[in-house]
């Protein structure tokens, strides 16, 4: 996200210099995000049984965030801070609601005994 956040102001300025409308820029942003998601899924289609590196999955999940970062472009620090708080609260809620209880129990047991029970 950092690279996207740094690149967006330059990309936006270049597109405005070409007299593109906001609608054209949004279309390009959404199209780019969809193409990046599709391109990220190609290794899965080529070798579906192969183990994927965690980075591959992480990078694939970040690509739709391109649209979110663009939507926050040019907004004030207050709006960006509120968006950050909402995103972090949303992630916390997802992990709180959808983490299997067995994983929580195993982690807390390993802290008490000093041994890993997840393997």
Protein backbone atom coordinates (compact mmCIF):
# COMPACT_ATOMS: atom_id res chain seq x y z
CA UNK A 1 0.00 0.00 0.00
CA UNK A 2 2.88 2.35 0.71
CA UNK A 3 4.08 2.22 -2.91
CA UNK A 4 0.55 2.74 -4.19
CA UNK A 5 0.06 5.65 -1.81
CA UNK A 6 3.27 7.26 -3.00
CA UNK A 7 2.55 6.68 -6.70
CA UNK A 8 -1.06 7.87 -6.78
CA UNK A 9 -0.37 11.63 -6.55
CA UNK A 10 2.07 11.41 -9.47
CA UNK A 11 -0.26 9.23 -11.52
CA UNK A 12 -3.19 11.54 -10.79
CA UNK A 13 -1.20 14.62 -11.82
CA UNK A 14 -0.08 12.94 -15.05
CA UNK A 15 -3.65 11.98 -15.95
CA UNK A 16 -4.96 15.45 -15.13
CA UNK A 17 -2.22 16.91 -17.35
CA UNK A 18 -3.67 14.77 -20.16
CA UNK A 19 -7.08 16.37 -19.44
CA UNK A 20 -8.69 13.13 -18.27
CA UNK A 21 -11.89 13.44 -16.29
CA UNK A 22 -12.41 12.08 -12.78
CA UNK A 23 -14.61 9.38 -14.27
CA UNK A 24 -11.86 8.25 -16.67
CA UNK A 25 -9.33 8.17 -13.83
CA UNK A 26 -11.71 6.11 -11.66
CA UNK A 27 -12.32 3.70 -14.55
CA UNK A 28 -8.58 3.26 -15.01
CA UNK A 29 -8.11 2.73 -11.25
CA UNK A 30 -10.79 0.03 -11.02
CA UNK A 31 -9.59 -1.63 -14.22
CA UNK A 32 -6.00 -1.71 -12.95
CA UNK A 33 -7.10 -3.22 -9.62
CA UNK A 34 -9.11 -5.94 -11.40
CA UNK A 35 -6.23 -6.74 -13.76
CA UNK A 36 -3.80 -6.96 -10.84
CA UNK A 37 -6.11 -9.38 -9.02
CA UNK A 38 -6.48 -11.48 -12.18
CA UNK A 39 -2.73 -11.48 -12.82
CA UNK A 40 -2.10 -12.44 -9.20
CA UNK A 41 -4.38 -15.45 -9.55
CA UNK A 42 -2.56 -16.84 -12.60
CA UNK A 43 0.05 -18.78 -10.59
CA UNK A 44 -2.82 -20.53 -8.78
CA UNK A 45 -4.31 -21.63 -12.11
CA UNK A 46 -0.98 -22.91 -13.41
CA UNK A 47 -0.08 -24.93 -10.30
CA UNK A 48 -3.16 -25.27 -8.09
CA UNK A 49 -1.63 -28.05 -5.98
CA UNK A 50 1.59 -26.17 -5.26
CA UNK A 51 2.00 -24.40 -1.95
CA UNK A 52 1.89 -20.66 -2.35
CA UNK A 53 4.23 -18.38 -0.52
CA UNK A 54 2.57 -16.20 2.11
CA UNK A 55 3.82 -13.11 0.27
CA UNK A 56 1.91 -14.15 -2.84
CA UNK A 57 -1.36 -14.35 -0.91
CA UNK A 58 -0.63 -11.10 0.93
CA UNK A 59 0.13 -9.25 -2.30
CA UNK A 60 -3.05 -10.61 -3.88
CA UNK A 61 -5.17 -9.35 -0.99
CA UNK A 62 -3.68 -5.84 -1.19
CA UNK A 63 -4.60 -5.19 -4.80
CA UNK A 64 -8.25 -4.17 -4.29
CA UNK A 65 -6.93 -1.67 -1.74
CA UNK A 66 -5.68 0.33 -4.71
CA UNK A 67 -9.22 1.71 -5.15
CA UNK A 68 -9.50 2.53 -1.44
CA UNK A 69 -6.20 4.42 -1.51
CA UNK A 70 -7.31 6.34 -4.61
CA UNK A 71 -10.63 7.22 -2.95
CA UNK A 72 -8.72 8.76 -0.05
CA UNK A 73 -6.45 10.76 -2.36
CA UNK A 74 -6.83 14.48 -1.79
CA UNK A 75 -8.98 14.05 1.30
CA UNK A 76 -7.98 15.74 4.51
CA UNK A 77 -5.93 14.16 7.25
CA UNK A 78 -9.06 13.83 9.39
CA UNK A 79 -10.90 11.77 6.74
CA UNK A 80 -7.83 9.60 6.16
CA UNK A 81 -7.43 9.05 9.91
CA UNK A 82 -11.08 8.04 10.27
CA UNK A 83 -10.70 5.65 7.32
CA UNK A 84 -7.61 4.13 8.94
CA UNK A 85 -9.47 3.65 12.22
CA UNK A 86 -12.45 2.03 10.44
CA UNK A 87 -10.17 -0.32 8.47
CA UNK A 88 -8.22 -1.35 11.59
CA UNK A 89 -11.43 -1.85 13.58
CA UNK A 90 -12.83 -3.93 10.72
CA UNK A 91 -9.75 -6.16 10.66
CA UNK A 92 -9.93 -6.59 14.42
CA UNK A 93 -13.61 -7.50 14.21
CA UNK A 94 -13.01 -10.08 11.47
CA UNK A 95 -10.25 -11.74 13.48
CA UNK A 96 -12.31 -11.60 16.68
CA UNK A 97 -15.37 -13.16 15.04
CA UNK A 98 -13.79 -15.70 12.70
CA UNK A 99 -10.74 -17.06 14.54
CA UNK A 100 -11.36 -20.71 15.42
CA UNK A 101 -11.55 -21.22 19.18
CA UNK A 102 -9.20 -24.21 18.93
CA UNK A 103 -6.46 -21.96 17.61
CA UNK A 104 -6.96 -19.52 20.49
CA UNK A 105 -6.93 -22.34 23.05
CA UNK A 106 -3.78 -23.87 21.54
CA UNK A 107 -1.99 -20.51 21.55
CA UNK A 108 -2.90 -19.77 25.14
CA UNK A 109 -1.87 -23.31 26.18
CA UNK A 110 1.52 -22.90 24.53
CA UNK A 111 2.06 -19.66 26.44
CA UNK A 112 1.32 -21.36 29.76
CA UNK A 113 3.45 -24.46 29.16
CA UNK A 114 6.13 -22.96 26.95
CA UNK A 115 5.56 -25.72 24.38
CA UNK A 116 4.02 -25.35 20.97
CA UNK A 117 0.90 -27.38 20.43
CA UNK A 118 0.23 -26.13 16.91
CA UNK A 119 2.42 -27.79 14.40
